Amino acid sequence: MTDTPAPRRIPDRLDKPFTSAVFSWEALLAAVAVAIFIANSLASPYFLDPWSLSDLTFNFTEKAIVAFAMALLIIAGEIDLSVAAIIALASTLMGMAAQVGVGTAGLVAIGIAIGLACGAFNGLLVTRLGLPSIVVTIGTMTLYRGIAFIILGDQAYKGYPASFAFFGQGYVWWVVSFELLLFVFAAVAYWALLHRTSFGRRVFAIGNNPVAAQFSGVRVGRIKFILFCLTGLMSGIAAVLITSRLGSTRPSIAQGYELEIITMVVLGGVNILGGAGSILGVVLAALIMGLVTFGLGLLNVPGIVMSIFVGLLLIVVIALPIVWRRMRRERVA
C-alpha cells in the first residue's frame, strides 16, 4: 500500500531561490528606508519635527492604500492603469453633489460607490469579454478622466462641508492622522487577505498559472473581477481622502498617480509578470517613496525632478531582477 502524497501548497513566491530573494529584497528595502531617513534628518533641520514627520505620511498614504489592492491584481497577472482617473471622476462627482447640498456621509458614499462601479466596469470588460487588462484600463483611464474634464472644464468645485475635511486633514491622536490610521488598517487587512487566507492562495495560483488554477477548480474570472472591484474601491476611498485634504476638486486631480502606485508595487518586490509578491514589501516601498519625495520637497527640488526620479526608479526595479536572473543563468552555464 502506497502512502498518499501530501497536498501541494501554492507558495507565496515562485520558487525557493526567489523566496530568498524577496525576503532579502524586503530587508534591503528596510535598510534603504533607514538610510534615507537618516539622510533627510541630516539634510534638513526641520525633518525630525513630529509635525513634519506627520506631514510626510500624507506623501504616500493615499497612493499606498490603492497600491495594496493593485499588488493583488498584479500578482494575479493583471493591471489597472485607470486608478488615478477613477480618483478624478469620483472626486468630480463628489464635488457636484456637494454643490447641491449633499452632506459628508453622502459624499463619502458617492466617492466609494463611484470607485467601486468603475472597478467593476473594468473587471467586466476583462473577465467577460476577455480583453487584455492593460488595453482596457488605458481606455477607461482616458474615459474616466475625460468625463471629469467635460464636467468641470478648467473650473474647480469647492464648498465642501466643514466636517468633510476630517478625512484628509483630521488627526486621531496628536500627530497621528486619520489617513495614517487608515493606511495601517489597510496594510494589516491586505496582508491577512493575501498571506493568511485561501483567497490569497488562489490569487498566487492564478498568477503562477491561470490555466492550471482553472482546472484545479479556482474560479479565475470571478477572483479577477473581485480584484478589479477592490482596486476601484480603494481608488474611491483615495478620492475621498485627497478631495478632503485639498478641499477642492479639479479634473487634473491625482494626475500621474498611476505611475507612482505601480512603482510602489513593483519596488515592493511584486513580480510584474504575476505570481509573487508581499504586502510588507509594498509598505516599505511606499515609505521609501514618501521619504524621498518629502526629503526632496524640503530641499526645494522641483516637482518635475521628482517625476523623473519616479520614472527612472520604475525602470530600474523592473529591469534589475531580469538582469540578475540572466547573470545567474550565464554563470551556471
C-alpha atoms as a PDB file:
ATOM      1  CA  MET A   1       0.000   0.000   0.000  1.00  0.00           C
ATOM      2  CA  THR A   2       1.484   3.311  -1.077  1.00  0.00           C
ATOM      3  CA  ASP A   3       1.407   6.425   1.066  1.00  0.00           C
ATOM      4  CA  THR A   4      -0.952   9.155  -0.052  1.00  0.00           C
ATOM      5  CA  PRO A   5       1.144  12.128  -1.178  1.00  0.00           C
ATOM      6  CA  ALA A   6       0.804  15.277   0.881  1.00  0.00           C
ATOM      7  CA  PRO A   7      -1.244  18.026  -0.778  1.00  0.00           C
ATOM      8  CA  ARG A   8       0.885  20.532  -2.632  1.00  0.00           C
ATOM      9  CA  ARG A   9       0.821  24.028  -1.199  1.00  0.00           C
ATOM     10  CA  ILE A  10       0.735  27.030  -3.529  1.00  0.00           C
ATOM     11  CA  PRO A  11       3.781  29.105  -2.485  1.00  0.00           C
ATOM     12  CA  ASP A  12       3.704  32.857  -1.920  1.00  0.00           C
ATOM     13  CA  ARG A  13       6.679  33.148  -4.267  1.00  0.00           C
ATOM     14  CA  LEU A  14       7.700  31.402  -7.455  1.00  0.00           C
ATOM     15  CA  ASP A  15      10.354  29.053  -6.020  1.00  0.00           C
ATOM     16  CA  LYS A  16      12.758  28.741  -3.137  1.00  0.00           C
ATOM     17  CA  PRO A  17      15.578  30.887  -4.589  1.00  0.00           C
ATOM     18  CA  PHE A  18      13.046  33.569  -5.445  1.00  0.00           C
ATOM     19  CA  THR A  19      11.646  33.343  -1.908  1.00  0.00           C
ATOM     20  CA  SER A  20      15.076  34.101  -0.521  1.00  0.00           C
ATOM     21  CA  ALA A  21      15.490  36.941  -2.980  1.00  0.00           C
ATOM     22  CA  VAL A  22      12.172  38.518  -1.988  1.00  0.00           C
ATOM     23  CA  PHE A  23      12.931  38.248   1.717  1.00  0.00           C
ATOM     24  CA  SER A  24      16.365  39.765   1.171  1.00  0.00           C
ATOM     25  CA  TRP A  25      14.757  42.422  -1.028  1.00  0.00           C
ATOM     26  CA  GLU A  26      12.424  43.367   1.811  1.00  0.00           C
ATOM     27  CA  ALA A  27      15.403  43.516   4.191  1.00  0.00           C
ATOM     28  CA  LEU A  28      17.172  45.735   1.663  1.00  0.00           C
ATOM     29  CA  LEU A  29      14.125  47.995   1.424  1.00  0.00           C
ATOM     30  CA  ALA A  30      14.075  48.362   5.204  1.00  0.00           C
ATOM     31  CA  ALA A  31      17.778  49.271   5.195  1.00  0.00           C
ATOM     32  CA  VAL A  32      17.239  51.785   2.391  1.00  0.00           C
ATOM     33  CA  ALA A  33      14.335  53.358   4.290  1.00  0.00           C
ATOM     34  CA  VAL A  34      16.509  53.782   7.395  1.00  0.00           C
ATOM     35  CA  ALA A  35      19.346  55.261   5.314  1.00  0.00           C
ATOM     36  CA  ILE A  36      17.038  57.763   3.617  1.00  0.00           C
ATOM     37  CA  PHE A  37      15.519  58.699   6.983  1.00  0.00           C
ATOM     38  CA  ILE A  38      18.993  59.436   8.381  1.00  0.00           C
ATOM     39  CA  ALA A  39      19.986  61.372   5.249  1.00  0.00           C
ATOM     40  CA  ASN A  40      16.844  63.505   5.443  1.00  0.00           C
ATOM     41  CA  SER A  41      17.442  64.259   9.122  1.00  0.00           C
ATOM     42  CA  LEU A  42      20.971  65.440   8.303  1.00  0.00           C
ATOM     43  CA  ALA A  43      19.926  67.400   5.212  1.00  0.00           C
ATOM     44  CA  SER A  44      17.175  69.437   6.872  1.00  0.00           C
ATOM     45  CA  PRO A  45      16.858  70.640  10.484  1.00  0.00           C
ATOM     46  CA  TYR A  46      13.057  70.562  10.129  1.00  0.00           C
ATOM     47  CA  PHE A  47      12.745  66.896   9.181  1.00  0.00           C
ATOM     48  CA  LEU A  48      12.716  65.396  12.687  1.00  0.00           C
ATOM     49  CA  ASP A  49       9.982  67.688  13.947  1.00  0.00           C
ATOM     50  CA  PRO A  50       6.982  65.466  14.858  1.00  0.00           C
ATOM     51  CA  TRP A  51       4.608  67.538  12.766  1.00  0.00           C
ATOM     52  CA  SER A  52       6.984  67.370   9.781  1.00  0.00           C
ATOM     53  CA  LEU A  53       7.037  63.589  10.107  1.00  0.00           C
ATOM     54  CA  SER A  54       3.248  63.644  10.258  1.00  0.00           C
ATOM     55  CA  ASP A  55       3.146  65.714   7.055  1.00  0.00           C
ATOM     56  CA  LEU A  56       5.466  63.139   5.498  1.00  0.00           C
ATOM     57  CA  THR A  57       2.803  60.453   5.759  1.00  0.00           C
ATOM     58  CA  PHE A  58       0.443  62.409   3.510  1.00  0.00           C
ATOM     59  CA  ASN A  59       3.004  61.878   0.712  1.00  0.00           C
ATOM     60  CA  PHE A  60       2.275  58.182   0.458  1.00  0.00           C
ATOM     61  CA  THR A  61      -0.809  57.065   2.410  1.00  0.00           C
ATOM     62  CA  GLU A  62      -3.365  57.905  -0.284  1.00  0.00           C
ATOM     63  CA  LYS A  63      -1.361  56.172  -3.018  1.00  0.00           C
ATOM     64  CA  ALA A  64      -0.399  53.242  -0.805  1.00  0.00           C
ATOM     65  CA  ILE A  65      -3.960  52.203   0.015  1.00  0.00           C
ATOM     66  CA  VAL A  66      -4.561  51.853  -3.731  1.00  0.00           C
ATOM     67  CA  ALA A  67      -1.209  50.078  -4.115  1.00  0.00           C
ATOM     68  CA  PHE A  68      -2.315  47.316  -1.721  1.00  0.00           C
ATOM     69  CA  ALA A  69      -5.206  46.370  -3.992  1.00  0.00           C
ATOM     70  CA  MET A  70      -3.041  46.890  -7.092  1.00  0.00           C
ATOM     71  CA  ALA A  71      -0.492  44.452  -5.648  1.00  0.00           C
ATOM     72  CA  LEU A  72      -3.078  41.661  -5.515  1.00  0.00           C
ATOM     73  CA  LEU A  73      -4.199  42.479  -9.044  1.00  0.00           C
ATOM     74  CA  ILE A  74      -0.657  42.368 -10.436  1.00  0.00           C
ATOM     75  CA  ILE A  75       0.120  39.141  -8.540  1.00  0.00           C
ATOM     76  CA  ALA A  76      -2.920  37.676 -10.322  1.00  0.00           C
ATOM     77  CA  GLY A  77      -1.384  38.680 -13.666  1.00  0.00           C
ATOM     78  CA  GLU A  78      -3.486  41.764 -14.397  1.00  0.00           C
ATOM     79  CA  ILE A  79      -3.010  45.543 -14.061  1.00  0.00           C
ATOM     80  CA  ASP A  80      -5.167  48.667 -13.739  1.00  0.00           C
ATOM     81  CA  LEU A  81      -3.838  51.898 -15.238  1.00  0.00           C
ATOM     82  CA  SER A  82      -7.084  53.791 -14.653  1.00  0.00           C
ATOM     83  CA  VAL A  83      -6.810  54.207 -10.861  1.00  0.00           C
ATOM     84  CA  ALA A  84      -5.843  57.905 -10.995  1.00  0.00           C
ATOM     85  CA  ALA A  85      -8.642  58.629 -13.470  1.00  0.00           C
ATOM     86  CA  ILE A  86     -11.098  56.826 -11.164  1.00  0.00           C
ATOM     87  CA  ILE A  87      -9.963  59.148  -8.361  1.00  0.00           C
ATOM     88  CA  ALA A  88     -10.563  62.167 -10.618  1.00  0.00           C
ATOM     89  CA  LEU A  89     -14.046  61.025 -11.658  1.00  0.00           C
ATOM     90  CA  ALA A  90     -15.081  60.132  -8.105  1.00  0.00           C
ATOM     91  CA  SER A  91     -13.802  63.485  -6.832  1.00  0.00           C
ATOM     92  CA  THR A  92     -15.656  65.334  -9.586  1.00  0.00           C
ATOM     93  CA  LEU A  93     -18.967  63.644  -8.830  1.00  0.00           C
ATOM     94  CA  MET A  94     -18.473  64.290  -5.109  1.00  0.00           C
ATOM     95  CA  GLY A  95     -17.939  67.935  -5.976  1.00  0.00           C
ATOM     96  CA  MET A  96     -21.150  68.028  -7.996  1.00  0.00           C
ATOM     97  CA  ALA A  97     -23.032  66.518  -5.075  1.00  0.00           C
ATOM     98  CA  ALA A  98     -21.510  68.993  -2.636  1.00  0.00           C
ATOM     99  CA  GLN A  99     -22.781  71.893  -4.771  1.00  0.00           C
ATOM    100  CA  VAL A 100     -26.374  70.767  -4.284  1.00  0.00           C
ATOM    101  CA  GLY A 101     -26.025  70.356  -0.530  1.00  0.00           C
ATOM    102  CA  VAL A 102     -25.225  66.667  -0.036  1.00  0.00           C
ATOM    103  CA  GLY A 103     -23.754  66.087   3.427  1.00  0.00           C
ATOM    104  CA  THR A 104     -20.488  64.464   4.470  1.00  0.00           C
ATOM    105  CA  ALA A 105     -21.851  60.916   4.762  1.00  0.00           C
ATOM    106  CA  GLY A 106     -23.423  61.169   1.318  1.00  0.00           C
ATOM    107  CA  LEU A 107     -20.217  62.495  -0.246  1.00  0.00           C
ATOM    108  CA  VAL A 108     -18.183  59.635   1.202  1.00  0.00           C
ATOM    109  CA  ALA A 109     -20.738  57.110  -0.054  1.00  0.00           C
ATOM    110  CA  ILE A 110     -20.698  58.660  -3.541  1.00  0.00           C
ATOM    111  CA  GLY A 111     -16.904  58.605  -3.751  1.00  0.00           C
ATOM    112  CA  ILE A 112     -16.652  54.976  -2.681  1.00  0.00           C
ATOM    113  CA  ALA A 113     -19.575  53.884  -4.877  1.00  0.00           C
ATOM    114  CA  ILE A 114     -18.144  55.560  -7.989  1.00  0.00           C
ATOM    115  CA  GLY A 115     -14.767  53.928  -7.399  1.00  0.00           C
ATOM    116  CA  LEU A 116     -16.385  50.516  -6.954  1.00  0.00           C
ATOM    117  CA  ALA A 117     -18.532  50.978 -10.078  1.00  0.00           C
ATOM    118  CA  CYS A 118     -15.521  51.964 -12.207  1.00  0.00           C
ATOM    119  CA  GLY A 119     -13.526  48.990 -10.923  1.00  0.00           C
ATOM    120  CA  ALA A 120     -16.437  46.657 -11.642  1.00  0.00           C
ATOM    121  CA  PHE A 121     -16.720  48.045 -15.180  1.00  0.00           C
ATOM    122  CA  ASN A 122     -13.007  47.379 -15.761  1.00  0.00           C
ATOM    123  CA  GLY A 123     -13.417  43.881 -14.343  1.00  0.00           C
ATOM    124  CA  LEU A 124     -16.381  43.064 -16.571  1.00  0.00           C
ATOM    125  CA  LEU A 125     -14.514  44.128 -19.706  1.00  0.00           C
ATOM    126  CA  VAL A 126     -11.546  41.939 -18.774  1.00  0.00           C
ATOM    127  CA  THR A 127     -13.285  38.859 -17.387  1.00  0.00           C
ATOM    128  CA  ARG A 128     -16.444  38.744 -19.500  1.00  0.00           C
ATOM    129  CA  LEU A 129     -15.086  39.920 -22.843  1.00  0.00           C
ATOM    130  CA  GLY A 130     -11.594  38.525 -22.389  1.00  0.00           C
ATOM    131  CA  LEU A 131      -9.877  41.806 -23.235  1.00  0.00           C
ATOM    132  CA  PRO A 132      -6.296  42.475 -22.064  1.00  0.00           C
ATOM    133  CA  SER A 133      -6.380  44.494 -18.849  1.00  0.00           C
ATOM    134  CA  ILE A 134      -3.644  46.866 -19.970  1.00  0.00           C
ATOM    135  CA  VAL A 135      -5.636  47.808 -23.082  1.00  0.00           C
ATOM    136  CA  VAL A 136      -8.935  48.060 -21.197  1.00  0.00           C
ATOM    137  CA  THR A 137      -7.577  50.277 -18.446  1.00  0.00           C
ATOM    138  CA  ILE A 138      -5.714  52.567 -20.857  1.00  0.00           C
ATOM    139  CA  GLY A 139      -9.083  53.107 -22.498  1.00  0.00           C
ATOM    140  CA  THR A 140     -11.007  53.629 -19.272  1.00  0.00           C
ATOM    141  CA  MET A 141      -8.217  55.872 -17.983  1.00  0.00           C
ATOM    142  CA  THR A 142      -8.967  58.228 -20.853  1.00  0.00           C
ATOM    143  CA  LEU A 143     -12.725  57.715 -20.473  1.00  0.00           C
ATOM    144  CA  TYR A 144     -12.949  58.467 -16.736  1.00  0.00           C
ATOM    145  CA  ARG A 145     -10.568  61.422 -16.861  1.00  0.00           C
ATOM    146  CA  GLY A 146     -12.310  62.727 -19.982  1.00  0.00           C
ATOM    147  CA  ILE A 147     -15.703  62.705 -18.243  1.00  0.00           C
ATOM    148  CA  ALA A 148     -14.187  64.697 -15.378  1.00  0.00           C
ATOM    149  CA  PHE A 149     -12.822  67.285 -17.827  1.00  0.00           C
ATOM    150  CA  ILE A 150     -16.153  67.511 -19.674  1.00  0.00           C
ATOM    151  CA  ILE A 151     -17.995  68.182 -16.407  1.00  0.00           C
ATOM    152  CA  LEU A 152     -15.515  70.661 -14.945  1.00  0.00           C
ATOM    153  CA  GLY A 153     -13.507  72.085 -17.824  1.00  0.00           C
ATOM    154  CA  ASP A 154     -10.976  74.471 -16.292  1.00  0.00           C
ATOM    155  CA  GLN A 155     -13.180  75.117 -13.258  1.00  0.00           C
ATOM    156  CA  ALA A 156     -12.965  73.765  -9.725  1.00  0.00           C
ATOM    157  CA  TYR A 157     -15.526  72.592  -7.189  1.00  0.00           C
ATOM    158  CA  LYS A 158     -15.231  73.956  -3.673  1.00  0.00           C
ATOM    159  CA  GLY A 159     -17.639  74.498  -0.794  1.00  0.00           C
ATOM    160  CA  TYR A 160     -17.407  71.080   0.837  1.00  0.00           C
ATOM    161  CA  PRO A 161     -18.954  70.714   4.324  1.00  0.00           C
ATOM    162  CA  ALA A 162     -16.595  71.588   7.170  1.00  0.00           C
ATOM    163  CA  SER A 163     -16.898  68.088   8.642  1.00  0.00           C
ATOM    164  CA  PHE A 164     -15.724  66.561   5.347  1.00  0.00           C
ATOM    165  CA  ALA A 165     -12.215  67.945   5.971  1.00  0.00           C
ATOM    166  CA  PHE A 166     -11.591  65.420   8.761  1.00  0.00           C
ATOM    167  CA  PHE A 167     -10.856  62.523   6.390  1.00  0.00           C
ATOM    168  CA  GLY A 168      -7.901  64.235   4.727  1.00  0.00           C
ATOM    169  CA  GLN A 169      -6.871  66.743   7.382  1.00  0.00           C
ATOM    170  CA  GLY A 170      -8.042  65.340  10.707  1.00  0.00           C
ATOM    171  CA  TYR A 171      -5.953  63.776  13.466  1.00  0.00           C
ATOM    172  CA  VAL A 172      -6.957  60.825  15.599  1.00  0.00           C
ATOM    173  CA  TRP A 173      -4.367  61.451  18.306  1.00  0.00           C
ATOM    174  CA  TRP A 174      -1.572  64.053  18.472  1.00  0.00           C
ATOM    175  CA  VAL A 175       0.358  63.727  15.157  1.00  0.00           C
ATOM    176  CA  VAL A 176      -1.401  60.508  14.080  1.00  0.00           C
ATOM    177  CA  SER A 177      -3.681  61.461  11.198  1.00  0.00           C
ATOM    178  CA  PHE A 178      -6.822  59.652  10.145  1.00  0.00           C
ATOM    179  CA  GLU A 179      -5.102  58.862   6.828  1.00  0.00           C
ATOM    180  CA  LEU A 180      -2.165  57.184   8.602  1.00  0.00           C
ATOM    181  CA  LEU A 181      -4.511  55.115  10.756  1.00  0.00           C
ATOM    182  CA  LEU A 182      -6.443  54.037   7.667  1.00  0.00           C
ATOM    183  CA  PHE A 183      -3.160  53.142   5.927  1.00  0.00           C
ATOM    184  CA  VAL A 184      -2.114  50.894   8.829  1.00  0.00           C
ATOM    185  CA  PHE A 185      -5.531  49.229   8.939  1.00  0.00           C
ATOM    186  CA  ALA A 186      -5.491  48.626   5.167  1.00  0.00           C
ATOM    187  CA  ALA A 187      -1.941  47.212   5.305  1.00  0.00           C
ATOM    188  CA  VAL A 188      -2.891  44.703   8.010  1.00  0.00           C
ATOM    189  CA  ALA A 189      -6.140  43.771   6.248  1.00  0.00           C
ATOM    190  CA  TYR A 190      -4.489  43.183   2.862  1.00  0.00           C
ATOM    191  CA  TRP A 191      -1.565  41.316   4.440  1.00  0.00           C
ATOM    192  CA  ALA A 192      -4.025  38.955   6.120  1.00  0.00           C
ATOM    193  CA  LEU A 193      -6.089  38.598   2.939  1.00  0.00           C
ATOM    194  CA  LEU A 194      -3.111  37.784   0.726  1.00  0.00           C
ATOM    195  CA  HIS A 195      -0.945  35.703   3.068  1.00  0.00           C
ATOM    196  CA  ARG A 196      -3.376  34.087   5.502  1.00  0.00           C
ATOM    197  CA  THR A 197      -6.489  33.143   3.534  1.00  0.00           C
ATOM    198  CA  SER A 198      -7.458  30.655   0.833  1.00  0.00           C
ATOM    199  CA  PHE A 199      -8.420  33.632  -1.332  1.00  0.00           C
ATOM    200  CA  GLY A 200      -4.822  34.834  -1.240  1.00  0.00           C
ATOM    201  CA  ARG A 201      -3.537  31.385  -2.160  1.00  0.00           C
ATOM    202  CA  ARG A 202      -5.881  31.371  -5.139  1.00  0.00           C
ATOM    203  CA  VAL A 203      -4.531  34.776  -6.210  1.00  0.00           C
ATOM    204  CA  PHE A 204      -0.981  33.367  -6.213  1.00  0.00           C
ATOM    205  CA  ALA A 205      -2.148  30.254  -8.062  1.00  0.00           C
ATOM    206  CA  ILE A 206      -3.787  32.355 -10.775  1.00  0.00           C
ATOM    207  CA  GLY A 207      -0.670  34.471 -11.179  1.00  0.00           C
ATOM    208  CA  ASN A 208       1.567  31.409 -11.468  1.00  0.00           C
ATOM    209  CA  ASN A 209      -0.605  29.522 -13.958  1.00  0.00           C
ATOM    210  CA  PRO A 210      -4.202  30.614 -14.638  1.00  0.00           C
ATOM    211  CA  VAL A 211      -4.974  27.583 -16.799  1.00  0.00           C
ATOM    212  CA  ALA A 212      -3.810  25.130 -14.133  1.00  0.00           C
ATOM    213  CA  ALA A 213      -5.692  27.123 -11.496  1.00  0.00           C
ATOM    214  CA  GLN A 214      -8.860  26.916 -13.606  1.00  0.00           C
ATOM    215  CA  PHE A 215      -8.539  23.123 -13.936  1.00  0.00           C
ATOM    216  CA  SER A 216      -7.917  22.913 -10.176  1.00  0.00           C
ATOM    217  CA  GLY A 217     -11.336  24.389  -9.509  1.00  0.00           C
ATOM    218  CA  VAL A 218     -10.300  28.012  -8.953  1.00  0.00           C
ATOM    219  CA  ARG A 219     -12.876  30.422 -10.362  1.00  0.00           C
ATOM    220  CA  VAL A 220     -10.300  32.575 -12.130  1.00  0.00           C
ATOM    221  CA  GLY A 221     -12.688  35.040 -13.740  1.00  0.00           C
ATOM    222  CA  ARG A 222     -14.623  35.619 -10.538  1.00  0.00           C
ATOM    223  CA  ILE A 223     -11.479  36.263  -8.469  1.00  0.00           C
ATOM    224  CA  LYS A 224     -10.057  38.642 -11.066  1.00  0.00           C
ATOM    225  CA  PHE A 225     -13.356  40.525 -11.124  1.00  0.00           C
ATOM    226  CA  ILE A 226     -13.245  40.848  -7.326  1.00  0.00           C
ATOM    227  CA  LEU A 227      -9.680  42.171  -7.541  1.00  0.00           C
ATOM    228  CA  PHE A 228     -10.685  44.840 -10.075  1.00  0.00           C
ATOM    229  CA  CYS A 229     -13.564  45.804  -7.782  1.00  0.00           C
ATOM    230  CA  LEU A 230     -11.166  46.051  -4.825  1.00  0.00           C
ATOM    231  CA  THR A 231      -8.826  48.281  -6.819  1.00  0.00           C
ATOM    232  CA  GLY A 232     -11.705  50.544  -7.803  1.00  0.00           C
ATOM    233  CA  LEU A 233     -12.999  50.578  -4.222  1.00  0.00           C
ATOM    234  CA  MET A 234      -9.612  51.656  -2.848  1.00  0.00           C
ATOM    235  CA  SER A 235      -9.385  54.312  -5.561  1.00  0.00           C
ATOM    236  CA  GLY A 236     -12.752  55.653  -4.414  1.00  0.00           C
ATOM    237  CA  ILE A 237     -11.516  55.785  -0.808  1.00  0.00           C
ATOM    238  CA  ALA A 238      -8.369  57.572  -2.002  1.00  0.00           C
ATOM    239  CA  ALA A 239     -10.585  60.070  -3.836  1.00  0.00           C
ATOM    240  CA  VAL A 240     -12.368  60.859  -0.575  1.00  0.00           C
ATOM    241  CA  LEU A 241      -9.053  61.380   1.226  1.00  0.00           C
ATOM    242  CA  ILE A 242      -7.456  63.545  -1.478  1.00  0.00           C
ATOM    243  CA  THR A 243     -10.543  65.683  -2.023  1.00  0.00           C
ATOM    244  CA  SER A 244     -10.920  66.160   1.712  1.00  0.00           C
ATOM    245  CA  ARG A 245      -7.260  67.117   2.119  1.00  0.00           C
ATOM    246  CA  LEU A 246      -7.267  69.615  -0.745  1.00  0.00           C
ATOM    247  CA  GLY A 247     -10.757  70.960  -0.046  1.00  0.00           C
ATOM    248  CA  SER A 248     -11.424  71.281  -3.774  1.00  0.00           C
ATOM    249  CA  THR A 249     -11.821  69.271  -6.965  1.00  0.00           C
ATOM    250  CA  ARG A 250     -10.161  69.790 -10.333  1.00  0.00           C
ATOM    251  CA  PRO A 251     -10.224  67.373 -13.289  1.00  0.00           C
ATOM    252  CA  SER A 252      -6.420  67.143 -13.107  1.00  0.00           C
ATOM    253  CA  ILE A 253      -6.504  65.825  -9.521  1.00  0.00           C
ATOM    254  CA  ALA A 254      -4.225  62.800  -8.923  1.00  0.00           C
ATOM    255  CA  GLN A 255      -2.574  63.246 -12.321  1.00  0.00           C
ATOM    256  CA  GLY A 256       0.278  60.751 -12.619  1.00  0.00           C
ATOM    257  CA  TYR A 257      -0.682  58.771  -9.522  1.00  0.00           C
ATOM    258  CA  GLU A 258      -0.981  55.540 -11.508  1.00  0.00           C
ATOM    259  CA  LEU A 259       2.767  55.632 -12.244  1.00  0.00           C
ATOM    260  CA  GLU A 260       3.670  56.152  -8.590  1.00  0.00           C
ATOM    261  CA  ILE A 261       1.265  53.443  -7.422  1.00  0.00           C
ATOM    262  CA  ILE A 262       2.658  50.862  -9.839  1.00  0.00           C
ATOM    263  CA  THR A 263       6.192  51.898  -8.868  1.00  0.00           C
ATOM    264  CA  MET A 264       5.339  51.265  -5.205  1.00  0.00           C
ATOM    265  CA  VAL A 265       4.044  47.803  -6.059  1.00  0.00           C
ATOM    266  CA  VAL A 266       6.986  46.770  -8.227  1.00  0.00           C
ATOM    267  CA  LEU A 267       9.582  48.348  -5.913  1.00  0.00           C
ATOM    268  CA  GLY A 268       7.972  46.344  -3.117  1.00  0.00           C
ATOM    269  CA  GLY A 269       9.004  43.087  -4.794  1.00  0.00           C
ATOM    270  CA  VAL A 270       5.782  42.179  -6.601  1.00  0.00           C
ATOM    271  CA  ASN A 271       6.608  40.365  -9.828  1.00  0.00           C
ATOM    272  CA  ILE A 272       5.273  42.480 -12.704  1.00  0.00           C
ATOM    273  CA  LEU A 273       4.523  39.202 -14.537  1.00  0.00           C
ATOM    274  CA  GLY A 274       2.431  37.914 -11.626  1.00  0.00           C
ATOM    275  CA  GLY A 275       2.646  35.056  -9.177  1.00  0.00           C
ATOM    276  CA  ALA A 276       4.887  36.555  -6.488  1.00  0.00           C
ATOM    277  CA  GLY A 277       4.986  39.428  -4.022  1.00  0.00           C
ATOM    278  CA  SER A 278       4.187  40.559  -0.498  1.00  0.00           C
ATOM    279  CA  ILE A 279       2.270  43.336   1.212  1.00  0.00           C
ATOM    280  CA  LEU A 280       5.198  44.051   3.558  1.00  0.00           C
ATOM    281  CA  GLY A 281       7.330  44.913   0.554  1.00  0.00           C
ATOM    282  CA  VAL A 282       4.678  47.340  -0.715  1.00  0.00           C
ATOM    283  CA  VAL A 283       4.502  49.019   2.710  1.00  0.00           C
ATOM    284  CA  LEU A 284       8.279  49.511   2.752  1.00  0.00           C
ATOM    285  CA  ALA A 285       8.294  50.763  -0.844  1.00  0.00           C
ATOM    286  CA  ALA A 286       5.565  53.284  -0.041  1.00  0.00           C
ATOM    287  CA  LEU A 287       7.571  54.508   2.950  1.00  0.00           C
ATOM    288  CA  ILE A 288      10.705  54.873   0.824  1.00  0.00           C
ATOM    289  CA  MET A 289       8.926  56.853  -1.869  1.00  0.00           C
ATOM    290  CA  GLY A 290       7.321  59.062   0.767  1.00  0.00           C
ATOM    291  CA  LEU A 291      10.687  59.695   2.424  1.00  0.00           C
ATOM    292  CA  VAL A 292      12.367  60.522  -0.873  1.00  0.00           C
ATOM    293  CA  THR A 293       9.699  62.896  -2.186  1.00  0.00           C
ATOM    294  CA  PHE A 294       9.279  64.618   1.183  1.00  0.00           C
ATOM    295  CA  GLY A 295      13.027  64.991   1.577  1.00  0.00           C
ATOM    296  CA  LEU A 296      13.369  66.447  -1.910  1.00  0.00           C
ATOM    297  CA  GLY A 297      10.489  68.803  -1.137  1.00  0.00           C
ATOM    298  CA  LEU A 298      12.254  70.081   1.973  1.00  0.00           C
ATOM    299  CA  LEU A 299      15.278  70.823  -0.224  1.00  0.00           C
ATOM    300  CA  ASN A 300      13.033  72.724  -2.709  1.00  0.00           C
ATOM    301  CA  VAL A 301      13.701  70.283  -5.541  1.00  0.00           C
ATOM    302  CA  PRO A 302      11.247  70.946  -8.434  1.00  0.00           C
ATOM    303  CA  GLY A 303       8.356  68.551  -8.903  1.00  0.00           C
ATOM    304  CA  ILE A 304       9.475  67.611 -12.426  1.00  0.00           C
ATOM    305  CA  VAL A 305      12.720  66.241 -10.966  1.00  0.00           C
ATOM    306  CA  MET A 306      10.677  64.048  -8.609  1.00  0.00           C
ATOM    307  CA  SER A 307       8.684  62.761 -11.599  1.00  0.00           C
ATOM    308  CA  ILE A 308      11.914  61.910 -13.421  1.00  0.00           C
ATOM    309  CA  PHE A 309      13.115  60.063 -10.339  1.00  0.00           C
ATOM    310  CA  VAL A 310       9.916  58.010 -10.122  1.00  0.00           C
ATOM    311  CA  GLY A 311      10.130  57.088 -13.807  1.00  0.00           C
ATOM    312  CA  LEU A 312      13.763  56.014 -13.535  1.00  0.00           C
ATOM    313  CA  LEU A 313      13.002  54.072 -10.363  1.00  0.00           C
ATOM    314  CA  LEU A 314      10.230  52.130 -12.118  1.00  0.00           C
ATOM    315  CA  ILE A 315      12.562  51.196 -14.994  1.00  0.00           C
ATOM    316  CA  VAL A 316      15.324  50.116 -12.630  1.00  0.00           C
ATOM    317  CA  VAL A 317      13.171  47.934 -10.376  1.00  0.00           C
ATOM    318  CA  ILE A 318      11.632  46.171 -13.381  1.00  0.00           C
ATOM    319  CA  ALA A 319      14.935  45.687 -15.185  1.00  0.00           C
ATOM    320  CA  LEU A 320      17.083  44.708 -12.184  1.00  0.00           C
ATOM    321  CA  PRO A 321      15.513  41.264 -11.478  1.00  0.00           C
ATOM    322  CA  ILE A 322      15.618  40.386 -15.194  1.00  0.00           C
ATOM    323  CA  VAL A 323      19.294  41.325 -15.493  1.00  0.00           C
ATOM    324  CA  TRP A 324      20.079  39.456 -12.263  1.00  0.00           C
ATOM    325  CA  ARG A 325      18.380  36.247 -13.493  1.00  0.00           C
ATOM    326  CA  ARG A 326      20.253  36.433 -16.810  1.00  0.00           C
ATOM    327  CA  MET A 327      23.561  36.850 -14.998  1.00  0.00           C
ATOM    328  CA  ARG A 328      22.790  33.829 -12.804  1.00  0.00           C
ATOM    329  CA  ARG A 329      21.872  31.681 -15.827  1.00  0.00           C
ATOM    330  CA  GLU A 330      25.082  32.666 -17.623  1.00  0.00           C
ATOM    331  CA  ARG A 331      27.121  31.885 -14.503  1.00  0.00           C
ATOM    332  CA  VAL A 332      25.516  28.429 -14.185  1.00  0.00           C
ATOM    333  CA  ALA A 333      26.033  27.697 -17.872  1.00  0.00           C
END
